[in-house]
Amino acid sequence: MNQDIVRYDPDQRLSDMVEHNGVLYLAGQVGTDLTAGMKGQTESILRQIDALLARAGSDKSRLLSAIVFVSDMRLKQHMDDAWIAWVDARNPPARATVGALLGSADTLVEIMCVAAK
C-alpha cells in the first residue's frame, strides 16, 4: 500500500488538495468572482474542483463525499441548480449542505470534497 502523501499547491495555511492511499482530499474551494451570485460562485467552484481532480488523474465521477457551505440557506436552490447541472448523475457523492458564516461577506458558497483517485 502506498503511504506517500502528495500535497498540491501548499502554502503556510493549507494545501488545495492532499493525496494519500488513492484518496484525494480537497480543501474548501470558493468562487473566483465574489461579485457573482450563489449560482455563479458555485459554477466557478465546480470548475476548480474539476481542475484539481484532473491534476491527480481523477474526475467528478469518483467523488465520494462533499460538504457544501452556503451563507444563506434561503438561496440554497441556486447552489443546487448549479450542482445538479454538474454532478455525475450516475455517481453522485454523499453530500451535506450547511448554513455557515464564510470567510467574507461576499463569499456565498464554499465546497470541500473527497474523491477516489
C-alpha atoms as a PDB file:
ATOM      1  CA  MET A   1       0.000   0.000   0.000  1.00  0.00           C
ATOM      2  CA  ASN A   2       1.325   3.443  -0.962  1.00  0.00           C
ATOM      3  CA  GLN A   3       1.999   5.544   2.140  1.00  0.00           C
ATOM      4  CA  ASP A   4       3.266   8.630   0.296  1.00  0.00           C
ATOM      5  CA  ILE A   5       1.403  11.868   0.850  1.00  0.00           C
ATOM      6  CA  VAL A   6       1.256  14.339  -2.043  1.00  0.00           C
ATOM      7  CA  ARG A   7       0.305  17.941  -1.297  1.00  0.00           C
ATOM      8  CA  TYR A   8      -0.932  20.122  -4.165  1.00  0.00           C
ATOM      9  CA  ASP A   9      -0.207  23.872  -4.012  1.00  0.00           C
ATOM     10  CA  PRO A  10       0.658  24.040  -0.309  1.00  0.00           C
ATOM     11  CA  ASP A  11       1.144  27.374   1.412  1.00  0.00           C
ATOM     12  CA  GLN A  12       1.583  28.318   5.070  1.00  0.00           C
ATOM     13  CA  ARG A  13      -2.099  27.642   5.828  1.00  0.00           C
ATOM     14  CA  LEU A  14      -3.230  24.711   3.699  1.00  0.00           C
ATOM     15  CA  SER A  15      -2.880  22.612   0.572  1.00  0.00           C
ATOM     16  CA  ASP A  16      -5.521  22.862  -2.162  1.00  0.00           C
ATOM     17  CA  MET A  17      -5.577  19.062  -2.274  1.00  0.00           C
ATOM     18  CA  VAL A  18      -3.862  16.219  -0.433  1.00  0.00           C
ATOM     19  CA  GLU A  19      -3.496  12.730  -1.877  1.00  0.00           C
ATOM     20  CA  HIS A  20      -2.979   9.654   0.302  1.00  0.00           C
ATOM     21  CA  ASN A  21      -3.539   5.973  -0.472  1.00  0.00           C
ATOM     22  CA  GLY A  22      -5.547   6.758  -3.613  1.00  0.00           C
ATOM     23  CA  VAL A  23      -7.868   9.223  -1.877  1.00  0.00           C
ATOM     24  CA  LEU A  24      -7.971  12.939  -2.746  1.00  0.00           C
ATOM     25  CA  TYR A  25      -8.935  15.417  -0.032  1.00  0.00           C
ATOM     26  CA  LEU A  26      -9.823  18.828  -1.463  1.00  0.00           C
ATOM     27  CA  ALA A  27      -9.668  21.955   0.672  1.00  0.00           C
ATOM     28  CA  GLY A  28     -12.696  24.195   0.753  1.00  0.00           C
ATOM     29  CA  GLN A  29     -12.939  25.944  -2.613  1.00  0.00           C
ATOM     30  CA  VAL A  30     -14.531  29.369  -3.084  1.00  0.00           C
ATOM     31  CA  GLY A  31     -15.544  31.191  -6.246  1.00  0.00           C
ATOM     32  CA  THR A  32     -13.041  33.270  -8.182  1.00  0.00           C
ATOM     33  CA  ASP A  33     -15.555  36.101  -8.745  1.00  0.00           C
ATOM     34  CA  LEU A  34     -17.164  37.060  -5.460  1.00  0.00           C
ATOM     35  CA  THR A  35     -19.427  39.559  -7.221  1.00  0.00           C
ATOM     36  CA  ALA A  36     -21.277  36.637  -8.832  1.00  0.00           C
ATOM     37  CA  GLY A  37     -24.412  35.296  -7.191  1.00  0.00           C
ATOM     38  CA  MET A  38     -24.656  31.952  -5.442  1.00  0.00           C
ATOM     39  CA  LYS A  39     -25.162  30.017  -8.684  1.00  0.00           C
ATOM     40  CA  GLY A  40     -22.248  31.759 -10.412  1.00  0.00           C
ATOM     41  CA  GLN A  41     -19.938  31.221  -7.449  1.00  0.00           C
ATOM     42  CA  THR A  42     -20.954  27.551  -7.315  1.00  0.00           C
ATOM     43  CA  GLU A  43     -20.238  27.109 -11.040  1.00  0.00           C
ATOM     44  CA  SER A  44     -16.794  28.654 -10.537  1.00  0.00           C
ATOM     45  CA  ILE A  45     -16.070  26.335  -7.615  1.00  0.00           C
ATOM     46  CA  LEU A  46     -17.158  23.274  -9.588  1.00  0.00           C
ATOM     47  CA  ARG A  47     -14.761  24.221 -12.404  1.00  0.00           C
ATOM     48  CA  GLN A  48     -11.983  24.475  -9.805  1.00  0.00           C
ATOM     49  CA  ILE A  49     -12.889  21.044  -8.434  1.00  0.00           C
ATOM     50  CA  ASP A  50     -12.799  19.600 -11.963  1.00  0.00           C
ATOM     51  CA  ALA A  51      -9.336  21.092 -12.497  1.00  0.00           C
ATOM     52  CA  LEU A  52      -7.955  19.824  -9.180  1.00  0.00           C
ATOM     53  CA  LEU A  53      -9.296  16.321  -9.747  1.00  0.00           C
ATOM     54  CA  ALA A  54      -7.879  16.266 -13.285  1.00  0.00           C
ATOM     55  CA  ARG A  55      -4.416  17.180 -11.955  1.00  0.00           C
ATOM     56  CA  ALA A  56      -4.494  13.993  -9.883  1.00  0.00           C
ATOM     57  CA  GLY A  57      -5.925  11.844 -12.701  1.00  0.00           C
ATOM     58  CA  SER A  58      -9.463  11.726 -11.311  1.00  0.00           C
ATOM     59  CA  ASP A  59     -12.829  13.305 -12.117  1.00  0.00           C
ATOM     60  CA  LYS A  60     -16.216  14.103 -10.602  1.00  0.00           C
ATOM     61  CA  SER A  61     -17.482  10.547 -11.188  1.00  0.00           C
ATOM     62  CA  ARG A  62     -15.001   9.496  -8.477  1.00  0.00           C
ATOM     63  CA  LEU A  63     -16.324  11.894  -5.801  1.00  0.00           C
ATOM     64  CA  LEU A  64     -17.016  10.130  -2.515  1.00  0.00           C
ATOM     65  CA  SER A  65     -18.371  12.988  -0.412  1.00  0.00           C
ATOM     66  CA  ALA A  66     -18.918  16.725  -0.448  1.00  0.00           C
ATOM     67  CA  ILE A  67     -19.739  19.327   2.161  1.00  0.00           C
ATOM     68  CA  VAL A  68     -21.277  22.491   0.767  1.00  0.00           C
ATOM     69  CA  PHE A  69     -21.274  25.570   2.966  1.00  0.00           C
ATOM     70  CA  VAL A  70     -23.727  28.316   1.999  1.00  0.00           C
ATOM     71  CA  SER A  71     -24.017  31.753   3.546  1.00  0.00           C
ATOM     72  CA  ASP A  72     -27.817  31.905   3.235  1.00  0.00           C
ATOM     73  CA  MET A  73     -29.900  28.722   3.200  1.00  0.00           C
ATOM     74  CA  ARG A  74     -32.760  30.664   1.614  1.00  0.00           C
ATOM     75  CA  LEU A  75     -30.612  30.789  -1.558  1.00  0.00           C
ATOM     76  CA  LYS A  76     -29.633  27.091  -1.438  1.00  0.00           C
ATOM     77  CA  GLN A  77     -31.677  26.295  -4.552  1.00  0.00           C
ATOM     78  CA  HIS A  78     -29.310  28.480  -6.631  1.00  0.00           C
ATOM     79  CA  MET A  79     -26.385  26.354  -5.484  1.00  0.00           C
ATOM     80  CA  ASP A  80     -28.407  23.177  -6.094  1.00  0.00           C
ATOM     81  CA  ASP A  81     -29.213  24.273  -9.659  1.00  0.00           C
ATOM     82  CA  ALA A  82     -25.503  24.557 -10.480  1.00  0.00           C
ATOM     83  CA  TRP A  83     -24.669  21.348  -8.605  1.00  0.00           C
ATOM     84  CA  ILE A  84     -27.342  19.263 -10.362  1.00  0.00           C
ATOM     85  CA  ALA A  85     -26.233  20.526 -13.784  1.00  0.00           C
ATOM     86  CA  TRP A  86     -22.639  19.496 -12.945  1.00  0.00           C
ATOM     87  CA  VAL A  87     -22.706  16.345 -10.808  1.00  0.00           C
ATOM     88  CA  ASP A  88     -22.346  12.920 -12.429  1.00  0.00           C
ATOM     89  CA  ALA A  89     -25.946  11.729 -12.017  1.00  0.00           C
ATOM     90  CA  ARG A  90     -24.874   8.066 -12.187  1.00  0.00           C
ATOM     91  CA  ASN A  91     -22.245   8.550  -9.476  1.00  0.00           C
ATOM     92  CA  PRO A  92     -23.402  11.227  -7.017  1.00  0.00           C
ATOM     93  CA  PRO A  93     -21.345  11.570  -3.835  1.00  0.00           C
ATOM     94  CA  ALA A  94     -22.668  11.634  -0.304  1.00  0.00           C
ATOM     95  CA  ARG A  95     -23.351  15.329   0.333  1.00  0.00           C
ATOM     96  CA  ALA A  96     -24.336  17.677   3.128  1.00  0.00           C
ATOM     97  CA  THR A  97     -25.235  21.353   2.861  1.00  0.00           C
ATOM     98  CA  VAL A  98     -24.554  23.536   5.876  1.00  0.00           C
ATOM     99  CA  GLY A  99     -25.513  27.143   6.527  1.00  0.00           C
ATOM    100  CA  ALA A 100     -22.373  28.965   7.652  1.00  0.00           C
ATOM    101  CA  LEU A 101     -20.720  32.323   8.145  1.00  0.00           C
ATOM    102  CA  LEU A 102     -17.995  32.178   5.488  1.00  0.00           C
ATOM    103  CA  GLY A 103     -14.644  33.946   5.106  1.00  0.00           C
ATOM    104  CA  SER A 104     -16.058  37.234   3.795  1.00  0.00           C
ATOM    105  CA  ALA A 105     -19.444  38.861   3.326  1.00  0.00           C
ATOM    106  CA  ASP A 106     -19.126  38.314  -0.448  1.00  0.00           C
ATOM    107  CA  THR A 107     -18.351  34.601  -0.173  1.00  0.00           C
ATOM    108  CA  LEU A 108     -21.670  32.832  -0.696  1.00  0.00           C
ATOM    109  CA  VAL A 109     -20.525  29.223  -1.192  1.00  0.00           C
ATOM    110  CA  GLU A 110     -17.591  27.027  -0.217  1.00  0.00           C
ATOM    111  CA  ILE A 111     -17.277  23.374  -1.174  1.00  0.00           C
ATOM    112  CA  MET A 112     -14.977  20.762   0.346  1.00  0.00           C
ATOM    113  CA  CYS A 113     -14.886  17.233  -1.054  1.00  0.00           C
ATOM    114  CA  VAL A 114     -13.177  13.858  -1.035  1.00  0.00           C
ATOM    115  CA  ALA A 115     -12.627  11.713  -4.138  1.00  0.00           C
ATOM    116  CA  ALA A 116     -11.024   8.451  -5.135  1.00  0.00           C
ATOM    117  CA  LYS A 117      -8.104   8.761  -7.496  1.00  0.00           C
END
